[in-house]
Protein backbone atom coordinates (compact mmCIF):
# COMPACT_ATOMS: atom_id res chain seq x y z
CA MET A 1 -7.79 102.74 300.69
CA LEU A 2 -6.16 100.44 298.16
CA ASN A 3 -7.79 97.03 298.24
CA ARG A 4 -5.87 93.78 298.42
CA ASP A 5 -6.36 92.84 294.76
CA THR A 6 -4.97 96.18 293.59
CA ILE A 7 -1.88 95.82 295.78
CA LEU A 8 -1.26 92.24 294.63
CA LYS A 9 -1.67 93.28 291.01
CA VAL A 10 1.05 95.93 291.45
CA ILE A 11 3.37 93.38 293.11
CA ASP A 12 2.79 90.82 290.35
CA GLN A 13 3.36 93.41 287.63
CA THR A 14 6.59 94.53 289.30
CA LEU A 15 8.00 91.01 289.67
CA LYS A 16 7.36 90.43 285.97
CA GLU A 17 8.89 93.73 284.85
CA LYS A 18 12.00 93.15 286.95
CA SER A 19 12.13 89.39 286.63
CA PRO A 20 15.33 87.33 286.86
CA PHE A 21 14.88 86.66 283.14
CA VAL A 22 15.02 90.39 282.40
CA MET A 23 17.75 91.24 284.91
CA VAL A 24 20.14 88.54 283.66
CA GLN A 25 19.73 89.75 280.09
CA GLU A 26 20.33 93.37 281.11
CA THR A 27 23.43 92.34 283.04
CA ILE A 28 25.00 90.38 280.17
CA LYS A 29 24.23 93.21 277.77
CA SER A 30 26.03 95.64 280.11
CA ASN A 31 28.90 93.21 280.79
CA PRO A 32 29.65 91.45 277.47
CA GLN A 33 33.00 90.21 278.79
CA ILE A 34 31.06 87.58 280.76
CA ILE A 35 30.24 85.64 277.59
CA ASN A 36 32.96 86.82 275.18
CA LYS A 37 35.75 84.54 276.37
CA LEU A 38 37.02 81.81 274.07
CA GLY A 39 35.85 78.28 274.67
CA GLY A 40 32.48 76.63 275.02
CA ILE A 41 30.22 77.68 277.86
CA LYS A 42 29.49 75.44 280.81
CA LEU A 43 26.50 76.75 282.74
CA PHE A 44 25.70 76.07 286.39
CA ALA A 45 22.51 77.49 287.96
CA LEU A 46 21.39 77.16 291.58
CA GLY A 47 18.62 78.62 293.72
CA LYS A 48 14.99 79.72 293.69
CA ALA A 49 15.50 81.82 290.55
CA SER A 50 17.81 79.40 288.73
CA LEU A 51 15.33 78.50 286.00
CA PRO A 52 14.22 82.01 284.91
CA MET A 53 17.84 83.18 285.22
CA THR A 54 18.81 80.36 282.86
CA GLU A 55 15.95 81.26 280.52
CA GLY A 56 17.16 84.86 280.41
CA PHE A 57 20.71 83.71 279.74
CA CYS A 58 19.62 81.39 276.93
CA ALA A 59 17.44 84.08 275.36
CA TYR A 60 20.58 86.20 274.97
CA VAL A 61 23.21 83.52 274.32
CA ASP A 62 22.81 80.91 271.60
CA THR A 63 22.35 77.56 273.37
CA CYS A 64 24.64 75.97 270.74
CA ARG A 65 27.49 77.70 272.59
CA ILE A 66 26.54 75.92 275.83
CA LYS A 67 28.39 72.60 275.94
CA ASP A 68 26.91 71.48 279.23
CA ALA A 69 24.44 72.82 281.82
CA LEU A 70 23.30 71.80 285.28
CA ILE A 71 20.28 73.62 286.73
CA ILE A 72 19.23 72.87 290.32
CA SER A 73 15.75 74.16 291.17
CA HIS A 74 12.71 73.62 293.38
CA GLN A 75 10.14 74.16 290.57
CA LEU A 76 10.95 72.01 287.57
CA ASP A 77 7.28 71.40 286.72
CA ARG A 78 7.01 74.75 284.91
CA TYR A 79 10.16 74.40 282.82
CA GLN A 80 10.67 70.78 281.81
CA SER A 81 10.42 71.42 278.06
CA ALA A 82 12.06 74.87 277.91
CA PHE A 83 15.70 73.81 277.49
CA PRO A 84 17.79 71.66 275.10
CA ASP A 85 18.13 67.96 275.78
CA HIS A 86 21.74 68.26 276.94
CA PHE A 87 20.72 70.52 279.86
CA ASP A 88 20.52 68.55 283.12
CA LEU A 89 17.61 69.80 285.24
CA HIS A 90 17.59 68.49 288.80
CA TYR A 91 14.81 69.00 291.34
CA SER A 92 15.85 69.86 294.89
CA PRO A 93 13.68 71.24 297.71
CA HIS A 94 13.47 74.44 299.69
CA PRO A 95 13.47 75.31 302.60
CA LEU A 96 14.10 71.86 304.10
CA SER A 97 16.60 69.48 302.52
CA SER A 98 15.93 65.91 301.39
CA SER A 99 17.81 63.12 299.63
CA ASP A 100 17.37 65.17 296.45
CA SER A 101 19.69 67.74 298.06
CA LEU A 102 22.39 65.11 298.40
CA ASN A 103 21.89 64.02 294.80
CA ALA A 104 22.11 67.66 293.69
CA ALA A 105 25.39 68.19 295.55
CA GLU A 106 26.88 65.07 293.98
CA LYS A 107 25.72 66.20 290.54
CA ALA A 108 27.33 69.60 291.14
CA ILE A 109 30.62 67.99 292.20
CA ASN A 110 30.69 65.82 289.07
CA PHE A 111 29.79 68.81 286.90
CA PHE A 112 32.66 70.89 288.31
CA LYS A 113 35.09 67.98 288.06
CA ASN A 114 34.41 67.85 284.32
CA VAL A 115 35.13 71.53 283.70
CA ARG A 116 38.35 72.12 281.76
CA THR A 117 40.72 75.08 281.88
CA ASP A 118 39.63 76.36 278.48
CA ASP A 119 35.90 76.19 279.32
CA ASN A 120 33.94 79.35 279.99
CA LEU A 121 32.25 78.50 283.31
CA ILE A 122 29.29 80.74 284.15
CA CYS A 123 27.36 80.31 287.40
CA LEU A 124 23.88 81.78 287.93
CA ILE A 125 23.29 81.91 291.69
CA SER A 126 20.21 83.03 293.60
CA GLY A 127 19.08 82.59 297.19
CA GLY A 128 17.61 79.34 298.46
CA GLY A 129 20.37 77.09 297.20
CA SER A 130 21.63 76.30 300.70
CA SER A 131 18.89 73.69 301.16
CA MET A 132 19.16 72.45 297.58
CA MET A 133 22.71 71.09 297.91
CA MET A 134 23.72 69.12 300.99
CA LYS A 135 26.73 66.82 301.14
CA PRO A 136 28.23 66.65 304.64
CA ILE A 137 31.95 66.56 305.30
CA ASP A 138 33.57 63.32 306.37
CA GLY A 139 32.54 62.30 309.86
CA MET A 140 28.87 63.28 309.58
CA ALA A 141 26.01 61.28 308.06
CA PHE A 142 23.58 62.98 305.69
CA GLU A 143 20.54 62.32 307.90
CA THR A 144 22.38 63.70 310.93
CA LYS A 145 23.16 66.97 309.17
CA LYS A 146 19.66 67.25 307.71
CA GLU A 147 18.06 66.83 311.14
CA LEU A 148 20.51 69.31 312.70
CA ILE A 149 19.89 72.05 310.11
CA ASN A 150 16.12 71.56 310.26
CA LYS A 151 16.28 71.85 314.05
CA LEU A 152 18.26 75.10 313.85
CA ILE A 153 15.75 76.54 311.37
CA PHE A 154 12.80 75.71 313.65
CA GLU A 155 14.70 77.22 316.58
CA GLY A 156 14.34 80.57 314.81
CA ILE A 157 18.05 81.17 314.17
CA PRO A 158 18.41 83.58 311.21
CA GLU A 159 19.18 82.01 307.84
CA ARG A 160 22.57 83.63 307.30
CA GLU A 161 23.71 82.34 310.69
CA VAL A 162 22.38 78.84 309.98
CA ASN A 163 24.27 78.96 306.70
CA GLU A 164 27.55 79.50 308.56
CA ILE A 165 26.93 76.12 310.23
CA ARG A 166 25.98 74.63 306.87
CA LYS A 167 29.24 75.83 305.30
CA SER A 168 31.43 74.37 308.01
CA LEU A 169 29.76 70.96 307.63
CA SER A 170 29.68 70.89 303.82
CA GLN A 171 31.70 69.50 300.92
CA VAL A 172 30.18 72.03 298.49
CA LYS A 173 29.26 75.24 300.36
CA GLY A 174 31.68 77.92 301.51
CA GLY A 175 33.55 77.91 298.20
CA LYS A 176 34.24 74.19 298.32
CA LEU A 177 32.71 73.55 294.89
CA LEU A 178 35.65 75.51 293.52
CA THR A 179 38.09 72.90 294.85
CA TYR A 180 37.03 70.60 292.00
CA LEU A 181 38.08 73.10 289.31
CA PRO A 182 41.42 73.50 287.48
CA GLU A 183 43.22 76.85 287.31
CA MET A 184 40.79 79.05 285.40
CA GLU A 185 38.46 82.05 285.43
CA VAL A 186 34.87 81.76 286.70
CA GLU A 187 31.99 84.17 286.12
CA ASN A 188 29.32 84.39 288.84
CA ILE A 189 26.03 86.24 288.25
CA PHE A 190 24.01 86.75 291.44
CA LEU A 191 20.39 87.63 292.12
CA SER A 192 20.74 88.79 295.70
CA ASP A 193 18.28 88.12 298.49
CA GLU A 194 21.00 88.73 301.08
CA ARG A 195 20.67 91.46 303.70
CA LEU A 196 24.01 93.14 302.79
CA HIS A 197 24.41 91.56 299.32
CA LYS A 198 27.45 89.60 300.47
CA PHE A 199 28.34 87.10 297.77
CA ASP A 200 29.52 84.50 300.26
CA ALA A 201 26.11 84.46 301.96
CA ILE A 202 23.95 83.92 298.85
CA SER A 203 23.14 80.18 298.77
CA SER A 204 26.08 79.78 301.18
CA GLY A 205 28.57 80.90 298.51
CA PRO A 206 29.49 77.58 296.84
CA THR A 207 31.42 79.39 294.07
CA ILE A 208 32.95 82.20 296.17
CA LYS A 209 36.59 82.23 297.33
CA ASP A 210 36.44 84.57 300.33
CA HIS A 211 34.29 83.68 303.34
CA ASP A 212 34.07 84.94 306.92
CA HIS A 213 33.92 81.44 308.50
CA LEU A 214 31.77 82.45 311.46
CA ALA A 215 30.46 79.07 312.60
CA ASP A 216 32.28 79.43 315.93
CA HIS A 217 30.65 82.85 316.56
CA VAL A 218 27.18 81.47 315.71
CA ILE A 219 27.67 78.52 318.04
CA GLU A 220 28.72 80.84 320.87
CA HIS A 221 26.12 83.57 320.26
CA TYR A 222 23.16 81.18 320.20
CA GLY A 223 24.49 78.95 322.98
CA LEU A 224 24.44 75.88 320.75
CA HIS A 225 27.30 74.31 322.69
CA LYS A 226 24.95 74.11 325.69
CA SER A 227 22.53 71.82 323.86
CA PRO A 228 22.56 68.18 324.99
CA ASP A 229 22.86 67.15 321.31
CA ASN A 230 26.12 68.97 320.62
CA ASP A 231 28.40 66.21 319.37
CA TRP A 232 28.38 67.88 315.92
CA ILE A 233 30.12 71.02 317.20
CA ASP A 234 33.68 69.66 317.10
CA ILE A 235 33.12 68.59 313.48
CA ALA A 236 31.73 72.05 312.61
CA LEU A 237 34.66 73.84 314.28
CA ALA A 238 37.14 71.62 312.43
CA GLY A 239 35.43 72.51 309.14
CA ASN A 240 35.22 76.23 309.92
CA LYS A 241 38.12 77.19 307.65
CA PRO A 242 38.84 78.30 304.08
CA ALA A 243 38.57 75.86 301.21
CA LEU A 244 41.93 74.78 299.76
CA LEU A 245 41.96 76.63 296.43
CA THR A 246 44.65 77.34 293.88
CA SER A 247 45.77 80.96 293.93
CA LYS A 248 45.41 81.07 290.13
CA LEU A 249 41.66 80.55 290.28
CA VAL A 250 40.06 83.87 289.29
CA ILE A 251 36.47 84.55 290.37
CA ASN A 252 34.49 87.46 288.87
CA ASN A 253 31.24 88.40 290.63
CA THR A 254 28.38 90.42 289.19
CA ILE A 255 25.00 91.23 290.76
CA CYS A 256 22.13 91.27 288.28
CA GLY A 257 19.46 92.39 290.74
CA THR A 258 18.59 93.11 294.37
CA ARG A 259 15.59 94.07 296.49
CA SER A 260 16.36 97.73 295.71
CA ASP A 261 15.51 97.10 292.06
CA ILE A 262 12.15 95.62 293.05
CA ILE A 263 11.38 98.30 295.65
CA ASP A 264 12.20 101.11 293.23
CA ARG A 265 9.95 99.60 290.54
CA LEU A 266 7.21 98.97 293.12
CA LYS A 267 7.38 102.64 294.02
CA ASP A 268 7.06 103.66 290.37
CA ASN A 269 4.12 101.33 289.81
CA PHE A 270 2.27 102.37 292.96
CA LEU A 271 2.65 106.02 291.98
CA LYS A 272 0.91 105.16 288.71
CA THR A 273 -1.98 103.64 290.65
CA ASN A 274 -5.12 105.73 290.85
CA GLY A 275 -5.38 107.62 294.13
CA VAL A 276 -1.83 107.07 295.45
CA THR A 277 -0.14 110.35 296.37
CA ASP A 278 3.12 109.15 297.92
CA VAL A 279 5.27 106.03 298.40
CA MET A 280 7.84 105.77 301.18
CA CYS A 281 10.46 103.02 300.92
CA GLU A 282 12.80 101.33 303.34
CA TYR A 283 15.72 99.41 301.84
CA ASN A 284 17.38 97.85 304.89
CA VAL A 285 15.90 94.49 305.79
CA ILE A 286 14.42 93.90 309.23
CA HIS A 287 16.29 90.78 310.33
CA SER A 288 17.80 88.89 313.27
CA VAL A 289 15.19 90.16 315.73
CA SER A 290 12.30 88.44 317.43
CA PRO A 291 8.87 88.66 315.79
CA GLU A 292 7.81 90.96 318.65
CA GLU A 293 10.71 93.30 317.92
CA ALA A 294 9.93 93.18 314.21
CA CYS A 295 6.37 94.32 314.92
CA THR A 296 7.69 97.19 317.03
CA ILE A 297 10.06 98.28 314.25
CA ILE A 298 7.30 98.15 311.63
CA ILE A 299 4.98 100.25 313.80
CA GLU A 300 7.76 102.77 314.43
CA LYS A 301 8.42 103.05 310.70
CA PHE A 302 4.72 103.49 310.05
CA GLU A 303 4.45 106.22 312.70
CA ASP A 304 7.46 108.01 311.21
CA SER A 305 5.93 107.73 307.73
CA PHE A 306 2.57 109.01 308.97
CA ALA A 307 4.17 111.99 310.74
CA LYS A 308 5.87 113.07 307.50
CA ALA A 309 2.89 112.41 305.22
CA ASN A 310 0.58 114.99 303.74
CA PRO A 311 -3.13 114.25 303.37
CA GLY A 312 -3.79 111.54 300.77
CA MET A 313 -3.27 107.86 300.02
CA HIS A 314 0.17 106.58 301.02
CA VAL A 315 2.14 103.36 300.56
CA LEU A 316 4.94 102.18 302.86
CA ILE A 317 7.29 99.40 301.65
CA ILE A 318 9.55 97.58 304.14
CA PRO A 319 11.68 94.48 303.43
CA ALA A 320 11.57 92.04 306.35
CA GLU A 321 12.86 88.51 306.92
CA ILE A 322 11.82 87.50 310.41
CA GLN A 323 12.72 84.19 311.98
CA VAL A 324 10.11 82.35 314.03
CA LYS A 325 10.84 79.71 316.64
CA ALA A 326 8.26 77.19 315.54
CA ASP A 327 6.92 73.79 316.44
CA PRO A 328 7.95 71.48 313.56
CA LYS A 329 4.45 69.98 313.66
CA SER A 330 2.73 73.35 313.30
CA LYS A 331 1.40 74.78 310.06
CA GLY A 332 2.20 78.32 309.02
CA GLY A 333 4.89 80.63 307.64
CA ARG A 334 6.77 83.67 308.85
CA ASN A 335 4.61 86.11 306.88
CA GLN A 336 1.45 84.47 308.18
CA HIS A 337 2.87 84.63 311.70
CA LEU A 338 3.89 88.28 311.40
CA THR A 339 0.51 89.28 309.99
CA ALA A 340 -1.29 87.59 312.89
CA MET A 341 0.94 89.44 315.36
CA MET A 342 0.27 92.75 313.62
CA MET A 343 -3.47 92.05 313.93
CA GLN A 344 -2.92 92.23 317.70
CA ARG A 345 -0.93 95.44 317.56
CA LEU A 346 -2.12 97.63 314.69
CA ASP A 347 -5.16 99.60 315.85
CA LEU A 348 -5.66 102.55 313.53
CA GLU A 349 -8.60 104.88 313.08
CA MET A 350 -7.83 105.61 309.42
CA PRO A 351 -8.45 103.32 306.42
CA PHE A 352 -5.39 101.08 305.97
CA SER A 353 -4.20 97.69 304.72
CA PHE A 354 -1.30 95.43 305.70
CA ILE A 355 0.30 92.74 303.54
CA ALA A 356 3.27 90.45 304.25
CA TYR A 357 4.40 88.90 300.98
CA ALA A 358 7.10 86.39 299.97
CA THR A 359 8.59 87.39 296.62
CA ASP A 360 9.52 83.76 295.93
CA GLY A 361 5.83 82.85 296.16
CA VAL A 362 6.19 80.49 299.13
CA ASP A 363 5.55 81.34 302.77
CA PHE A 364 6.97 77.98 303.95
CA ILE A 365 3.83 76.26 302.57
CA ASP A 366 3.51 75.69 298.82
CA GLY A 367 0.56 77.62 297.45
CA VAL A 368 0.68 80.30 300.15
CA VAL A 369 2.48 83.59 299.52
CA GLY A 370 1.66 85.39 302.77
CA ALA A 371 -1.25 87.06 304.55
CA HIS A 372 -3.08 90.37 304.85
CA PHE A 373 -5.72 92.32 306.74
CA ASP A 374 -7.24 95.77 306.65
CA LYS A 375 -9.47 98.17 308.56
CA SER A 376 -12.66 96.41 307.47
CA LEU A 377 -11.58 93.24 309.29
CA TYR A 378 -11.41 94.82 312.75
CA PRO A 379 -14.79 93.41 313.93
CA THR A 380 -13.68 89.92 312.83
CA ILE A 381 -10.27 90.32 314.46
CA ILE A 382 -11.85 91.37 317.76
CA LYS A 383 -14.24 88.42 317.59
CA HIS A 384 -11.35 85.99 316.99
CA LYS A 385 -8.97 87.51 319.53
CA ASP A 386 -8.50 84.24 321.45
CA ALA A 387 -8.01 82.24 318.25
CA ILE A 388 -5.35 84.70 317.07
CA ASN A 389 -3.51 84.46 320.39
CA LYS A 390 -3.61 80.66 320.27
CA ALA A 391 -2.43 80.51 316.64
CA ILE A 392 0.55 82.73 317.47
CA ALA A 393 1.42 80.77 320.62
CA THR A 394 1.38 77.46 318.70
CA THR A 395 2.92 78.92 315.48
CA SER A 396 -0.05 77.47 313.58
CA THR A 397 -1.28 80.57 311.79
CA TYR A 398 -2.26 78.90 308.51
CA ASN A 399 -5.59 77.60 309.80
CA LEU A 400 -6.32 80.97 311.41
CA HIS A 401 -5.81 82.89 308.18
CA GLU A 402 -7.74 80.30 306.22
CA GLU A 403 -10.71 80.77 308.57
CA LEU A 404 -10.46 84.56 308.47
CA GLY A 405 -10.03 84.64 304.69
CA THR A 406 -6.72 86.50 305.06
CA LEU A 407 -4.36 84.06 303.32
CA ILE A 408 -2.67 85.21 300.14
CA ARG A 409 -2.48 82.23 297.82
CA GLY A 410 -0.24 81.91 294.80
CA LYS A 411 2.44 79.92 293.01
CA LYS A 412 6.22 79.93 293.13
CA THR A 413 7.36 83.01 291.25
CA GLY A 414 10.85 81.98 290.18
CA HIS A 415 11.98 85.18 291.89
CA ASN A 416 13.59 85.80 295.26
CA ILE A 417 14.79 89.12 296.68
CA SER A 418 13.15 89.35 300.13
CA ASP A 419 9.88 89.19 301.96
CA LEU A 420 8.08 92.53 301.76
CA ILE A 421 5.76 94.36 304.13
CA ILE A 422 3.44 96.71 302.27
CA MET A 423 1.18 99.04 304.20
CA THR A 424 -1.24 101.47 302.60
CA TYR A 425 -3.07 104.14 304.53
CA GLU A 426 -5.17 107.21 303.95
CA LYS A 427 -4.28 110.33 305.88
CA LEU A 428 -7.25 112.69 306.10
């Protein structure tokens, strides 16, 4: 059986080998037209990977060519001295918005207002930016929108669906940042964490022209109109429409990396690990299901993998982004929650391990990446059965994992492609 430290070492190695820094450089090298236009470059970067994406860009493009830059990120502490003085670095949080999110949105608006037709505007966009820019449309106060979005997140509504509400209530999301531009050409480079790699869904698509505008479907599907606090719905429905853009605005979109790139490299690296005979990979994300359903799907995928496996040490990789209906006062994260639930359900005779890991390095709580357990912990799990049940019921799994020694601690990675479930098992 592969131990936890070995598995985490492979993950860490993979995230470094296929980092946003590397993937942006590879993308520009393969698509030189992105930077070869006349005019000075104006650089806008948003999301969990905005800083390493910017580093990769600046390692390939002389910063003297960059007239102006705005980078919005949730981890400025690691990068404060890495860029020229004329780069504007703005902190903004994830996953819950704050007044910094409003400031970031206003900075972005001013940045786009100052772009000229002959500028070469390049936008580096990764997931997580939806919380980092929040400026409500007229008729809604900032605090009202912040409380609404936070409530929807804690209700367990999937992120893409919450983002449809965000777009309809925003002055910057849903392509609305583009309304501040003149007639010109824009280059977007995306690091995708999105389930179908839809550009309009990554950070709520602030620099994308075409959107689905599904706020009305989300409201209906989740019964939000039945809530007693539903006075925001009319405002959302009124804003559920395309941004008013000039037809001469040209948007070019390029993906620099996705979860497939990480999963493929993980597979390669696990196969180089002593004792591993086979790696089976899933590429479609488990999403928009209850945590109970997610557990069932994971077990089904494991059983299918086991049935096909020959004797030896095997690794199963599954991307999963579950949504948990949580008490706002509880302490935990979706990977911690899922791991606790799998402790209740995964009862195997063979040596195995289970890890739920956030590739951005944050499982809702800073300093916590996810959680794990393995066959050796069964006596402890049985002993703490009641505590596990209580932690799941109250969505307070952090303290449980801390007591059991099953937390995975770490720092923000500057990456973001998906949460990953990694199971290893030995078939005799």
